[in-house]
Amino acid sequence: FPDFYNEFEKLRAAGDDNMWIVKPSASSRGRGIYVVDDISDVPIDEDCIVSKYISNPLLINNLKFDLRLYVVVTSFEPLKIYLYDE
């Protein structure tokens, strides 16, 4: 949370777009999602995911999409990455 708070305040001070999307961690299909522009609207007593809102996202066939990749990095020197193949 301290890193998020610092980023939030930095963007607000710069006058940049400061919209953040808040998603409940145990929900699906868009339930419970909302957008905030004030840090006091982010709940600190419940599990949630907060990420920068992208106002002009990349679309495929005019639809938003997400990539779900499960990756494990076991070593950086030498680099070893395992990707889960569904």
C-alpha atoms as a PDB file:
ATOM      1  CA  PHE A   1       0.000   0.000   0.000  1.00  0.00           C
ATOM      2  CA  PRO A   2       2.791   2.541   0.660  1.00  0.00           C
ATOM      3  CA  ASP A   3       4.051   2.197  -2.939  1.00  0.00           C
ATOM      4  CA  PHE A   4       0.516   2.662  -4.294  1.00  0.00           C
ATOM      5  CA  TYR A   5      -0.056   5.681  -2.067  1.00  0.00           C
ATOM      6  CA  ASN A   6       3.190   7.324  -3.195  1.00  0.00           C
ATOM      7  CA  GLU A   7       2.351   6.759  -6.879  1.00  0.00           C
ATOM      8  CA  PHE A   8      -1.181   8.086  -6.335  1.00  0.00           C
ATOM      9  CA  GLU A   9       0.087  11.267  -4.671  1.00  0.00           C
ATOM     10  CA  LYS A  10       2.806  11.785  -7.304  1.00  0.00           C
ATOM     11  CA  LEU A  11       0.244  11.670 -10.133  1.00  0.00           C
ATOM     12  CA  ARG A  12      -2.163  13.943  -8.283  1.00  0.00           C
ATOM     13  CA  ALA A  13       0.571  16.516  -7.651  1.00  0.00           C
ATOM     14  CA  ALA A  14       1.543  16.447 -11.327  1.00  0.00           C
ATOM     15  CA  GLY A  15      -2.074  16.992 -12.357  1.00  0.00           C
ATOM     16  CA  ASP A  16      -2.017  13.828 -14.485  1.00  0.00           C
ATOM     17  CA  ASP A  17      -4.978  11.530 -15.048  1.00  0.00           C
ATOM     18  CA  ASN A  18      -5.376   9.889 -11.653  1.00  0.00           C
ATOM     19  CA  MET A  19      -8.109   7.309 -12.176  1.00  0.00           C
ATOM     20  CA  TRP A  20      -7.709   3.910 -10.525  1.00  0.00           C
ATOM     21  CA  ILE A  21      -9.849   0.792 -10.863  1.00  0.00           C
ATOM     22  CA  VAL A  22     -10.655  -1.202  -7.705  1.00  0.00           C
ATOM     23  CA  LYS A  23     -11.580  -4.881  -8.049  1.00  0.00           C
ATOM     24  CA  PRO A  24     -12.642  -7.240  -5.254  1.00  0.00           C
ATOM     25  CA  SER A  25     -10.181 -10.124  -5.049  1.00  0.00           C
ATOM     26  CA  ALA A  26     -12.899 -12.797  -4.753  1.00  0.00           C
ATOM     27  CA  SER A  27     -15.305 -11.799  -7.509  1.00  0.00           C
ATOM     28  CA  SER A  28     -15.825 -12.404 -11.224  1.00  0.00           C
ATOM     29  CA  ARG A  29     -17.584 -11.041 -14.315  1.00  0.00           C
ATOM     30  CA  GLY A  30     -17.106  -7.413 -13.333  1.00  0.00           C
ATOM     31  CA  ARG A  31     -19.067  -7.575 -10.079  1.00  0.00           C
ATOM     32  CA  GLY A  32     -18.020  -5.028  -7.478  1.00  0.00           C
ATOM     33  CA  ILE A  33     -15.617  -3.106  -9.740  1.00  0.00           C
ATOM     34  CA  TYR A  34     -15.471   0.672  -9.414  1.00  0.00           C
ATOM     35  CA  VAL A  35     -13.196   3.574 -10.376  1.00  0.00           C
ATOM     36  CA  VAL A  36     -11.754   6.092  -7.910  1.00  0.00           C
ATOM     37  CA  ASP A  37      -9.836   9.332  -8.182  1.00  0.00           C
ATOM     38  CA  ASP A  38      -9.447   9.877  -4.430  1.00  0.00           C
ATOM     39  CA  ILE A  39      -7.240   7.605  -2.331  1.00  0.00           C
ATOM     40  CA  SER A  40      -9.668   7.767   0.583  1.00  0.00           C
ATOM     41  CA  ASP A  41     -12.150   5.775  -1.551  1.00  0.00           C
ATOM     42  CA  VAL A  42      -9.818   2.746  -1.617  1.00  0.00           C
ATOM     43  CA  PRO A  43     -10.781   0.317   1.161  1.00  0.00           C
ATOM     44  CA  ILE A  44      -7.888  -0.629   3.417  1.00  0.00           C
ATOM     45  CA  ASP A  45      -9.811  -3.191   5.487  1.00  0.00           C
ATOM     46  CA  GLU A  46     -10.725  -5.602   2.672  1.00  0.00           C
ATOM     47  CA  ASP A  47      -8.804  -7.555   0.051  1.00  0.00           C
ATOM     48  CA  CYS A  48      -8.889  -5.876  -3.347  1.00  0.00           C
ATOM     49  CA  ILE A  49      -6.746  -5.247  -6.396  1.00  0.00           C
ATOM     50  CA  VAL A  50      -6.049  -1.636  -7.356  1.00  0.00           C
ATOM     51  CA  SER A  51      -4.576  -0.823 -10.753  1.00  0.00           C
ATOM     52  CA  LYS A  52      -4.186   2.196 -12.986  1.00  0.00           C
ATOM     53  CA  TYR A  53      -7.276   2.781 -15.099  1.00  0.00           C
ATOM     54  CA  ILE A  54      -6.508   2.797 -18.825  1.00  0.00           C
ATOM     55  CA  SER A  55      -8.965   5.110 -20.556  1.00  0.00           C
ATOM     56  CA  ASN A  56      -8.001   4.031 -24.087  1.00  0.00           C
ATOM     57  CA  PRO A  57      -7.185   0.292 -23.900  1.00  0.00           C
ATOM     58  CA  LEU A  58      -6.012  -1.957 -26.713  1.00  0.00           C
ATOM     59  CA  LEU A  59      -9.030  -3.675 -28.273  1.00  0.00           C
ATOM     60  CA  ILE A  60      -9.398  -6.780 -30.419  1.00  0.00           C
ATOM     61  CA  ASN A  61     -12.512  -6.652 -32.625  1.00  0.00           C
ATOM     62  CA  ASN A  62     -13.684  -3.701 -30.488  1.00  0.00           C
ATOM     63  CA  LEU A  63     -13.557  -5.826 -27.321  1.00  0.00           C
ATOM     64  CA  LYS A  64     -11.363  -5.568 -24.238  1.00  0.00           C
ATOM     65  CA  PHE A  65      -9.396  -8.677 -23.387  1.00  0.00           C
ATOM     66  CA  ASP A  66      -7.003  -9.987 -20.780  1.00  0.00           C
ATOM     67  CA  LEU A  67      -4.137 -12.431 -20.819  1.00  0.00           C
ATOM     68  CA  ARG A  68      -3.863 -14.900 -17.977  1.00  0.00           C
ATOM     69  CA  LEU A  69      -0.387 -16.327 -17.856  1.00  0.00           C
ATOM     70  CA  TYR A  70       0.948 -18.332 -14.950  1.00  0.00           C
ATOM     71  CA  VAL A  71       4.700 -17.925 -14.706  1.00  0.00           C
ATOM     72  CA  VAL A  72       7.308 -19.017 -12.193  1.00  0.00           C
ATOM     73  CA  VAL A  73      10.791 -17.522 -12.201  1.00  0.00           C
ATOM     74  CA  THR A  74      13.137 -19.871 -10.362  1.00  0.00           C
ATOM     75  CA  SER A  75      16.423 -18.186 -11.138  1.00  0.00           C
ATOM     76  CA  PHE A  76      17.731 -14.907 -12.492  1.00  0.00           C
ATOM     77  CA  GLU A  77      21.351 -15.954 -13.040  1.00  0.00           C
ATOM     78  CA  PRO A  78      20.941 -17.961 -15.261  1.00  0.00           C
ATOM     79  CA  LEU A  79      17.413 -16.917 -16.087  1.00  0.00           C
ATOM     80  CA  LYS A  80      14.932 -19.799 -15.691  1.00  0.00           C
ATOM     81  CA  ILE A  81      11.256 -19.183 -16.403  1.00  0.00           C
ATOM     82  CA  TYR A  82       8.486 -21.746 -16.444  1.00  0.00           C
ATOM     83  CA  LEU A  83       5.177 -21.035 -18.167  1.00  0.00           C
ATOM     84  CA  TYR A  84       2.142 -23.117 -17.283  1.00  0.00           C
ATOM     85  CA  ASP A  85       0.672 -24.631 -20.446  1.00  0.00           C
ATOM     86  CA  GLU A  86      -3.084 -25.112 -20.025  1.00  0.00           C
END
